[in-house]
Amino acid sequence: MALKIIESCVNCYACEPLCPSKAIFMGKTHFMINPRKCTECEDDYKDPQCASICPIEGAILDKLGAPINPPGSLTGIPPERMAEAMAELQAH
């Protein structure tokens, strides 16, 4: 199991410090994910932390190659989870 960061990554460094398994590293041109270390944040968080913070739509793919932060989700939060995230923010 592993996620993948693709070349649309702009190296904003938002994801790297959030990775609980320290799987994210700087590649030759953009950040990448070490598939041997990536746990997809299972047992740590509800959602993969890299995708939750990534501002680049479609830059992080799941193991099937589908974007975790799809177009229409500038926050990196999948649209179906946006209402829940907004409620969490308003509760604090």
PDB file of N, CA and C in Angstrom:
ATOM      1  N   MET A   1       0.848  -1.164   0.000  1.00  0.00           N
ATOM      2  CA  MET A   1       0.000   0.000   0.000  1.00  0.00           C
ATOM      3  C   MET A   1       0.892   1.224   0.000  1.00  0.00           C
ATOM      4  N   ALA A   2       0.601   2.152  -0.891  1.00  0.00           N
ATOM      5  CA  ALA A   2       1.379   3.387  -0.936  1.00  0.00           C
ATOM      6  C   ALA A   2       0.690   4.413  -1.809  1.00  0.00           C
ATOM      7  N   LEU A   3       0.870   5.655  -1.433  1.00  0.00           N
ATOM      8  CA  LEU A   3       0.388   6.761  -2.228  1.00  0.00           C
ATOM      9  C   LEU A   3       1.523   7.211  -3.131  1.00  0.00           C
ATOM     10  N   LYS A   4       1.205   8.105  -4.082  1.00  0.00           N
ATOM     11  CA  LYS A   4       2.225   8.581  -5.009  1.00  0.00           C
ATOM     12  C   LYS A   4       2.020  10.069  -5.253  1.00  0.00           C
ATOM     13  N   ILE A   5       3.105  10.823  -5.227  1.00  0.00           N
ATOM     14  CA  ILE A   5       3.067  12.233  -5.581  1.00  0.00           C
ATOM     15  C   ILE A   5       3.587  12.334  -7.013  1.00  0.00           C
ATOM     16  N   ILE A   6       2.832  13.029  -7.871  1.00  0.00           N
ATOM     17  CA  ILE A   6       3.229  13.119  -9.279  1.00  0.00           C
ATOM     18  C   ILE A   6       3.881  14.470  -9.582  1.00  0.00           C
ATOM     19  N   GLU A   7       4.339  14.615 -10.825  1.00  0.00           N
ATOM     20  CA  GLU A   7       5.134  15.771 -11.224  1.00  0.00           C
ATOM     21  C   GLU A   7       4.419  17.114 -11.149  1.00  0.00           C
ATOM     22  N   SER A   8       3.129  17.147 -10.932  1.00  0.00           N
ATOM     23  CA  SER A   8       2.451  18.434 -10.760  1.00  0.00           C
ATOM     24  C   SER A   8       2.738  19.052  -9.391  1.00  0.00           C
ATOM     25  N   CYS A   9       3.400  18.314  -8.524  1.00  0.00           N
ATOM     26  CA  CYS A   9       3.833  18.813  -7.215  1.00  0.00           C
ATOM     27  C   CYS A   9       4.696  20.057  -7.426  1.00  0.00           C
ATOM     28  N   VAL A  10       4.459  21.104  -6.618  1.00  0.00           N
ATOM     29  CA  VAL A  10       5.210  22.355  -6.743  1.00  0.00           C
ATOM     30  C   VAL A  10       6.231  22.532  -5.621  1.00  0.00           C
ATOM     31  N   ASN A  11       6.491  21.469  -4.883  1.00  0.00           N
ATOM     32  CA  ASN A  11       7.493  21.507  -3.817  1.00  0.00           C
ATOM     33  C   ASN A  11       7.202  22.572  -2.764  1.00  0.00           C
ATOM     34  N   CYS A  12       5.974  22.635  -2.310  1.00  0.00           N
ATOM     35  CA  CYS A  12       5.608  23.645  -1.312  1.00  0.00           C
ATOM     36  C   CYS A  12       6.002  23.232   0.108  1.00  0.00           C
ATOM     37  N   TYR A  13       6.415  21.997   0.273  1.00  0.00           N
ATOM     38  CA  TYR A  13       6.873  21.462   1.561  1.00  0.00           C
ATOM     39  C   TYR A  13       5.759  21.292   2.592  1.00  0.00           C
ATOM     40  N   ALA A  14       4.502  21.432   2.215  1.00  0.00           N
ATOM     41  CA  ALA A  14       3.407  21.290   3.178  1.00  0.00           C
ATOM     42  C   ALA A  14       3.255  19.853   3.663  1.00  0.00           C
ATOM     43  N   CYS A  15       3.430  18.889   2.790  1.00  0.00           N
ATOM     44  CA  CYS A  15       3.171  17.491   3.130  1.00  0.00           C
ATOM     45  C   CYS A  15       4.284  16.816   3.923  1.00  0.00           C
ATOM     46  N   GLU A  16       5.511  17.141   3.600  1.00  0.00           N
ATOM     47  CA  GLU A  16       6.661  16.420   4.151  1.00  0.00           C
ATOM     48  C   GLU A  16       6.682  16.359   5.681  1.00  0.00           C
ATOM     49  N   PRO A  17       6.502  17.466   6.392  1.00  0.00           N
ATOM     50  CA  PRO A  17       6.552  17.371   7.858  1.00  0.00           C
ATOM     51  C   PRO A  17       5.339  16.684   8.491  1.00  0.00           C
ATOM     52  N   LEU A  18       4.236  16.545   7.736  1.00  0.00           N
ATOM     53  CA  LEU A  18       3.031  15.929   8.288  1.00  0.00           C
ATOM     54  C   LEU A  18       3.032  14.407   8.215  1.00  0.00           C
ATOM     55  N   CYS A  19       3.889  13.831   7.429  1.00  0.00           N
ATOM     56  CA  CYS A  19       3.871  12.386   7.204  1.00  0.00           C
ATOM     57  C   CYS A  19       4.310  11.636   8.463  1.00  0.00           C
ATOM     58  N   PRO A  20       3.404  10.876   9.084  1.00  0.00           N
ATOM     59  CA  PRO A  20       3.757  10.180  10.320  1.00  0.00           C
ATOM     60  C   PRO A  20       4.766   9.051  10.120  1.00  0.00           C
ATOM     61  N   SER A  21       4.857   8.535   8.906  1.00  0.00           N
ATOM     62  CA  SER A  21       5.800   7.439   8.654  1.00  0.00           C
ATOM     63  C   SER A  21       7.097   7.920   7.994  1.00  0.00           C
ATOM     64  N   LYS A  22       7.219   9.241   7.833  1.00  0.00           N
ATOM     65  CA  LYS A  22       8.434   9.835   7.237  1.00  0.00           C
ATOM     66  C   LYS A  22       8.722   9.243   5.858  1.00  0.00           C
ATOM     67  N   ALA A  23       7.661   9.022   5.079  1.00  0.00           N
ATOM     68  CA  ALA A  23       7.793   8.401   3.763  1.00  0.00           C
ATOM     69  C   ALA A  23       8.016   9.415   2.644  1.00  0.00           C
ATOM     70  N   ILE A  24       7.795  10.705   2.918  1.00  0.00           N
ATOM     71  CA  ILE A  24       7.910  11.730   1.880  1.00  0.00           C
ATOM     72  C   ILE A  24       9.324  12.293   1.859  1.00  0.00           C
ATOM     73  N   PHE A  25       9.873  12.389   0.642  1.00  0.00           N
ATOM     74  CA  PHE A  25      11.230  12.916   0.486  1.00  0.00           C
ATOM     75  C   PHE A  25      11.326  13.704  -0.813  1.00  0.00           C
ATOM     76  N   MET A  26      12.348  14.544  -0.919  1.00  0.00           N
ATOM     77  CA  MET A  26      12.554  15.333  -2.123  1.00  0.00           C
ATOM     78  C   MET A  26      13.240  14.477  -3.166  1.00  0.00           C
ATOM     79  N   GLY A  27      12.594  14.334  -4.320  1.00  0.00           N
ATOM     80  CA  GLY A  27      13.182  13.612  -5.440  1.00  0.00           C
ATOM     81  C   GLY A  27      13.993  14.585  -6.284  1.00  0.00           C
ATOM     82  N   LYS A  28      14.271  14.215  -7.515  1.00  0.00           N
ATOM     83  CA  LYS A  28      15.062  15.086  -8.398  1.00  0.00           C
ATOM     84  C   LYS A  28      14.328  16.364  -8.767  1.00  0.00           C
ATOM     85  N   THR A  29      13.018  16.257  -8.992  1.00  0.00           N
ATOM     86  CA  THR A  29      12.265  17.438  -9.425  1.00  0.00           C
ATOM     87  C   THR A  29      11.071  17.777  -8.541  1.00  0.00           C
ATOM     88  N   HIS A  30      10.614  16.842  -7.739  1.00  0.00           N
ATOM     89  CA  HIS A  30       9.466  17.096  -6.870  1.00  0.00           C
ATOM     90  C   HIS A  30       9.478  16.094  -5.717  1.00  0.00           C
ATOM     91  N   PHE A  31       8.619  16.335  -4.738  1.00  0.00           N
ATOM     92  CA  PHE A  31       8.516  15.401  -3.621  1.00  0.00           C
ATOM     93  C   PHE A  31       7.999  14.060  -4.109  1.00  0.00           C
ATOM     94  N   MET A  32       8.414  13.034  -3.428  1.00  0.00           N
ATOM     95  CA  MET A  32       7.998  11.671  -3.757  1.00  0.00           C
ATOM     96  C   MET A  32       7.667  10.946  -2.458  1.00  0.00           C
ATOM     97  N   ILE A  33       7.055   9.769  -2.600  1.00  0.00           N
ATOM     98  CA  ILE A  33       6.704   8.956  -1.440  1.00  0.00           C
ATOM     99  C   ILE A  33       7.400   7.610  -1.561  1.00  0.00           C
ATOM    100  N   ASN A  34       8.111   7.245  -0.505  1.00  0.00           N
ATOM    101  CA  ASN A  34       8.765   5.934  -0.456  1.00  0.00           C
ATOM    102  C   ASN A  34       7.679   4.888  -0.216  1.00  0.00           C
ATOM    103  N   PRO A  35       7.397   4.021  -1.197  1.00  0.00           N
ATOM    104  CA  PRO A  35       6.314   3.048  -1.040  1.00  0.00           C
ATOM    105  C   PRO A  35       6.557   2.033   0.073  1.00  0.00           C
ATOM    106  N   ARG A  36       7.792   1.831   0.448  1.00  0.00           N
ATOM    107  CA  ARG A  36       8.094   0.882   1.535  1.00  0.00           C
ATOM    108  C   ARG A  36       7.748   1.451   2.903  1.00  0.00           C
ATOM    109  N   LYS A  37       7.723   2.779   2.999  1.00  0.00           N
ATOM    110  CA  LYS A  37       7.416   3.429   4.273  1.00  0.00           C
ATOM    111  C   LYS A  37       5.966   3.897   4.387  1.00  0.00           C
ATOM    112  N   CYS A  38       5.336   4.189   3.247  1.00  0.00           N
ATOM    113  CA  CYS A  38       3.991   4.765   3.257  1.00  0.00           C
ATOM    114  C   CYS A  38       2.964   3.782   3.811  1.00  0.00           C
ATOM    115  N   THR A  39       2.213   4.246   4.795  1.00  0.00           N
ATOM    116  CA  THR A  39       1.141   3.445   5.395  1.00  0.00           C
ATOM    117  C   THR A  39      -0.238   4.005   5.046  1.00  0.00           C
ATOM    118  N   GLU A  40      -0.259   5.065   4.215  1.00  0.00           N
ATOM    119  CA  GLU A  40      -1.489   5.795   3.893  1.00  0.00           C
ATOM    120  C   GLU A  40      -2.138   6.334   5.165  1.00  0.00           C
ATOM    121  N   CYS A  41      -1.345   6.502   6.199  1.00  0.00           N
ATOM    122  CA  CYS A  41      -1.756   7.030   7.497  1.00  0.00           C
ATOM    123  C   CYS A  41      -2.742   6.120   8.242  1.00  0.00           C
ATOM    124  N   GLU A  42      -2.890   4.888   7.785  1.00  0.00           N
ATOM    125  CA  GLU A  42      -3.760   3.948   8.495  1.00  0.00           C
ATOM    126  C   GLU A  42      -3.265   3.794   9.920  1.00  0.00           C
ATOM    127  N   ASP A  43      -4.169   3.701  10.834  1.00  0.00           N
ATOM    128  CA  ASP A  43      -3.900   3.585  12.264  1.00  0.00           C
ATOM    129  C   ASP A  43      -3.390   4.882  12.885  1.00  0.00           C
ATOM    130  N   ASP A  44      -3.134   5.919  12.080  1.00  0.00           N
ATOM    131  CA  ASP A  44      -2.685   7.202  12.621  1.00  0.00           C
ATOM    132  C   ASP A  44      -3.749   8.282  12.456  1.00  0.00           C
ATOM    133  N   TYR A  45      -4.347   8.358  11.250  1.00  0.00           N
ATOM    134  CA  TYR A  45      -5.312   9.400  10.930  1.00  0.00           C
ATOM    135  C   TYR A  45      -6.430   8.836  10.059  1.00  0.00           C
ATOM    136  N   LYS A  46      -7.564   9.535  10.056  1.00  0.00           N
ATOM    137  CA  LYS A  46      -8.692   9.118   9.233  1.00  0.00           C
ATOM    138  C   LYS A  46      -8.377   9.240   7.736  1.00  0.00           C
ATOM    139  N   ASP A  47      -7.671  10.331   7.369  1.00  0.00           N
ATOM    140  CA  ASP A  47      -7.316  10.589   5.976  1.00  0.00           C
ATOM    141  C   ASP A  47      -5.803  10.718   5.850  1.00  0.00           C
ATOM    142  N   PRO A  48      -5.255  10.376   4.691  1.00  0.00           N
ATOM    143  CA  PRO A  48      -3.823  10.588   4.488  1.00  0.00           C
ATOM    144  C   PRO A  48      -3.482  12.067   4.682  1.00  0.00           C
ATOM    145  N   GLN A  49      -2.519  12.331   5.529  1.00  0.00           N
ATOM    146  CA  GLN A  49      -2.176  13.705   5.866  1.00  0.00           C
ATOM    147  C   GLN A  49      -1.626  14.496   4.691  1.00  0.00           C
ATOM    148  N   CYS A  50      -0.863  13.854   3.828  1.00  0.00           N
ATOM    149  CA  CYS A  50      -0.302  14.560   2.674  1.00  0.00           C
ATOM    150  C   CYS A  50      -1.418  15.093   1.779  1.00  0.00           C
ATOM    151  N   ALA A  51      -2.419  14.298   1.525  1.00  0.00           N
ATOM    152  CA  ALA A  51      -3.532  14.720   0.670  1.00  0.00           C
ATOM    153  C   ALA A  51      -4.403  15.758   1.363  1.00  0.00           C
ATOM    154  N   SER A  52      -4.484  15.691   2.673  1.00  0.00           N
ATOM    155  CA  SER A  52      -5.307  16.646   3.412  1.00  0.00           C
ATOM    156  C   SER A  52      -4.732  18.058   3.372  1.00  0.00           C
ATOM    157  N   ILE A  53      -3.430  18.179   3.166  1.00  0.00           N
ATOM    158  CA  ILE A  53      -2.795  19.497   3.164  1.00  0.00           C
ATOM    159  C   ILE A  53      -2.402  19.962   1.766  1.00  0.00           C
ATOM    160  N   CYS A  54      -2.281  19.065   0.825  1.00  0.00           N
ATOM    161  CA  CYS A  54      -1.773  19.398  -0.513  1.00  0.00           C
ATOM    162  C   CYS A  54      -2.674  20.406  -1.233  1.00  0.00           C
ATOM    163  N   PRO A  55      -2.109  21.554  -1.652  1.00  0.00           N
ATOM    164  CA  PRO A  55      -2.911  22.548  -2.353  1.00  0.00           C
ATOM    165  C   PRO A  55      -3.008  22.319  -3.862  1.00  0.00           C
ATOM    166  N   ILE A  56      -2.319  21.314  -4.368  1.00  0.00           N
ATOM    167  CA  ILE A  56      -2.308  21.059  -5.811  1.00  0.00           C
ATOM    168  C   ILE A  56      -3.274  19.928  -6.140  1.00  0.00           C
ATOM    169  N   GLU A  57      -4.355  20.275  -6.794  1.00  0.00           N
ATOM    170  CA  GLU A  57      -5.374  19.283  -7.133  1.00  0.00           C
ATOM    171  C   GLU A  57      -4.786  18.165  -7.992  1.00  0.00           C
ATOM    172  N   GLY A  58      -5.044  16.940  -7.600  1.00  0.00           N
ATOM    173  CA  GLY A  58      -4.619  15.788  -8.381  1.00  0.00           C
ATOM    174  C   GLY A  58      -3.151  15.423  -8.263  1.00  0.00           C
ATOM    175  N   ALA A  59      -2.410  16.048  -7.361  1.00  0.00           N
ATOM    176  CA  ALA A  59      -0.971  15.781  -7.252  1.00  0.00           C
ATOM    177  C   ALA A  59      -0.659  14.508  -6.475  1.00  0.00           C
ATOM    178  N   ILE A  60      -1.611  14.007  -5.700  1.00  0.00           N
ATOM    179  CA  ILE A  60      -1.372  12.805  -4.902  1.00  0.00           C
ATOM    180  C   ILE A  60      -2.363  11.731  -5.327  1.00  0.00           C
ATOM    181  N   LEU A  61      -1.811  10.585  -5.693  1.00  0.00           N
ATOM    182  CA  LEU A  61      -2.621   9.480  -6.197  1.00  0.00           C
ATOM    183  C   LEU A  61      -2.667   8.334  -5.200  1.00  0.00           C
ATOM    184  N   ASP A  62      -3.785   7.599  -5.210  1.00  0.00           N
ATOM    185  CA  ASP A  62      -3.875   6.398  -4.386  1.00  0.00           C
ATOM    186  C   ASP A  62      -3.222   5.233  -5.128  1.00  0.00           C
ATOM    187  N   LYS A  63      -3.280   4.053  -4.536  1.00  0.00           N
ATOM    188  CA  LYS A  63      -2.599   2.898  -5.134  1.00  0.00           C
ATOM    189  C   LYS A  63      -3.199   2.475  -6.475  1.00  0.00           C
ATOM    190  N   LEU A  64      -4.416   2.952  -6.786  1.00  0.00           N
ATOM    191  CA  LEU A  64      -5.048   2.642  -8.072  1.00  0.00           C
ATOM    192  C   LEU A  64      -4.798   3.735  -9.110  1.00  0.00           C
ATOM    193  N   GLY A  65      -4.091   4.796  -8.705  1.00  0.00           N
ATOM    194  CA  GLY A  65      -3.787   5.887  -9.616  1.00  0.00           C
ATOM    195  C   GLY A  65      -4.842   6.978  -9.660  1.00  0.00           C
ATOM    196  N   ALA A  66      -5.807   6.931  -8.757  1.00  0.00           N
ATOM    197  CA  ALA A  66      -6.853   7.958  -8.696  1.00  0.00           C
ATOM    198  C   ALA A  66      -6.408   9.084  -7.769  1.00  0.00           C
ATOM    199  N   PRO A  67      -6.690  10.338  -8.146  1.00  0.00           N
ATOM    200  CA  PRO A  67      -6.300  11.460  -7.289  1.00  0.00           C
ATOM    201  C   PRO A  67      -7.040  11.421  -5.955  1.00  0.00           C
ATOM    202  N   ILE A  68      -6.288  11.599  -4.885  1.00  0.00           N
ATOM    203  CA  ILE A  68      -6.898  11.651  -3.553  1.00  0.00           C
ATOM    204  C   ILE A  68      -7.413  13.056  -3.285  1.00  0.00           C
ATOM    205  N   ASN A  69      -6.730  14.054  -3.819  1.00  0.00           N
ATOM    206  CA  ASN A  69      -7.185  15.436  -3.715  1.00  0.00           C
ATOM    207  C   ASN A  69      -7.615  15.867  -5.123  1.00  0.00           C
ATOM    208  N   PRO A  70      -8.841  15.509  -5.496  1.00  0.00           N
ATOM    209  CA  PRO A  70      -9.317  15.660  -6.870  1.00  0.00           C
ATOM    210  C   PRO A  70      -9.582  17.111  -7.274  1.00  0.00           C
ATOM    211  N   PRO A  71      -9.714  17.350  -8.577  1.00  0.00           N
ATOM    212  CA  PRO A  71     -10.088  18.685  -9.042  1.00  0.00           C
ATOM    213  C   PRO A  71     -11.349  19.160  -8.331  1.00  0.00           C
ATOM    214  N   GLY A  72     -11.353  20.430  -7.973  1.00  0.00           N
ATOM    215  CA  GLY A  72     -12.474  20.982  -7.211  1.00  0.00           C
ATOM    216  C   GLY A  72     -12.203  20.957  -5.723  1.00  0.00           C
ATOM    217  N   SER A  73     -11.023  20.515  -5.343  1.00  0.00           N
ATOM    218  CA  SER A  73     -10.675  20.397  -3.928  1.00  0.00           C
ATOM    219  C   SER A  73      -9.350  21.099  -3.667  1.00  0.00           C
ATOM    220  N   LEU A  74      -9.351  22.415  -3.715  1.00  0.00           N
ATOM    221  CA  LEU A  74      -8.103  23.162  -3.522  1.00  0.00           C
ATOM    222  C   LEU A  74      -7.498  22.949  -2.145  1.00  0.00           C
ATOM    223  N   THR A  75      -8.275  22.480  -1.191  1.00  0.00           N
ATOM    224  CA  THR A  75      -7.752  22.220   0.144  1.00  0.00           C
ATOM    225  C   THR A  75      -7.074  20.870   0.231  1.00  0.00           C
ATOM    226  N   GLY A  76      -7.280  20.020  -0.764  1.00  0.00           N
ATOM    227  CA  GLY A  76      -6.760  18.670  -0.672  1.00  0.00           C
ATOM    228  C   GLY A  76      -7.759  17.731  -0.026  1.00  0.00           C
ATOM    229  N   ILE A  77      -8.847  18.282   0.498  1.00  0.00           N
ATOM    230  CA  ILE A  77      -9.863  17.454   1.134  1.00  0.00           C
ATOM    231  C   ILE A  77     -10.865  17.031   0.067  1.00  0.00           C
ATOM    232  N   PRO A  78     -11.122  15.734  -0.090  1.00  0.00           N
ATOM    233  CA  PRO A  78     -12.097  15.301  -1.094  1.00  0.00           C
ATOM    234  C   PRO A  78     -13.435  15.998  -0.887  1.00  0.00           C
ATOM    235  N   PRO A  79     -14.108  16.393  -1.970  1.00  0.00           N
ATOM    236  CA  PRO A  79     -15.366  17.133  -1.850  1.00  0.00           C
ATOM    237  C   PRO A  79     -16.393  16.474  -0.941  1.00  0.00           C
ATOM    238  N   GLU A  80     -16.462  15.144  -0.959  1.00  0.00           N
ATOM    239  CA  GLU A  80     -17.447  14.467  -0.118  1.00  0.00           C
ATOM    240  C   GLU A  80     -17.141  14.609   1.371  1.00  0.00           C
ATOM    241  N   ARG A  81     -15.930  14.984   1.707  1.00  0.00           N
ATOM    242  CA  ARG A  81     -15.557  15.158   3.107  1.00  0.00           C
ATOM    243  C   ARG A  81     -15.515  16.628   3.527  1.00  0.00           C
ATOM    244  N   MET A  82     -15.688  17.539   2.566  1.00  0.00           N
ATOM    245  CA  MET A  82     -15.570  18.963   2.850  1.00  0.00           C
ATOM    246  C   MET A  82     -16.579  19.447   3.885  1.00  0.00           C
ATOM    247  N   ALA A  83     -17.833  19.027   3.806  1.00  0.00           N
ATOM    248  CA  ALA A  83     -18.845  19.467   4.771  1.00  0.00           C
ATOM    249  C   ALA A  83     -18.458  19.050   6.182  1.00  0.00           C
ATOM    250  N   GLU A  84     -17.963  17.833   6.325  1.00  0.00           N
ATOM    251  CA  GLU A  84     -17.523  17.344   7.635  1.00  0.00           C
ATOM    252  C   GLU A  84     -16.343  18.172   8.147  1.00  0.00           C
ATOM    253  N   ALA A  85     -15.404  18.479   7.285  1.00  0.00           N
ATOM    254  CA  ALA A  85     -14.232  19.275   7.672  1.00  0.00           C
ATOM    255  C   ALA A  85     -14.650  20.683   8.092  1.00  0.00           C
ATOM    256  N   MET A  86     -15.566  21.289   7.356  1.00  0.00           N
ATOM    257  CA  MET A  86     -16.033  22.634   7.697  1.00  0.00           C
ATOM    258  C   MET A  86     -16.753  22.638   9.045  1.00  0.00           C
ATOM    259  N   ALA A  87     -17.528  21.600   9.323  1.00  0.00           N
ATOM    260  CA  ALA A  87     -18.218  21.497  10.611  1.00  0.00           C
ATOM    261  C   ALA A  87     -17.203  21.377  11.744  1.00  0.00           C
ATOM    262  N   GLU A  88     -16.145  20.631  11.524  1.00  0.00           N
ATOM    263  CA  GLU A  88     -15.083  20.496  12.527  1.00  0.00           C
ATOM    264  C   GLU A  88     -14.437  21.848  12.820  1.00  0.00           C
ATOM    265  N   LEU A  89     -14.165  22.613  11.767  1.00  0.00           N
ATOM    266  CA  LEU A  89     -13.548  23.924  11.935  1.00  0.00           C
ATOM    267  C   LEU A  89     -14.469  24.883  12.693  1.00  0.00           C
ATOM    268  N   GLN A  90     -15.742  24.867  12.387  1.00  0.00           N
ATOM    269  CA  GLN A  90     -16.687  25.772  13.036  1.00  0.00           C
ATOM    270  C   GLN A  90     -16.934  25.388  14.476  1.00  0.00           C
ATOM    271  N   ALA A  91     -16.716  24.138  14.832  1.00  0.00           N
ATOM    272  CA  ALA A  91     -16.933  23.684  16.202  1.00  0.00           C
ATOM    273  C   ALA A  91     -15.833  24.180  17.145  1.00  0.00           C
ATOM    274  N   HIS A  92     -14.701  24.569  16.586  1.00  0.00           N
ATOM    275  CA  HIS A  92     -13.578  25.011  17.424  1.00  0.00           C
ATOM    276  C   HIS A  92     -13.483  26.475  17.541  1.00  0.00           C
TER     277      HIS A  92
END
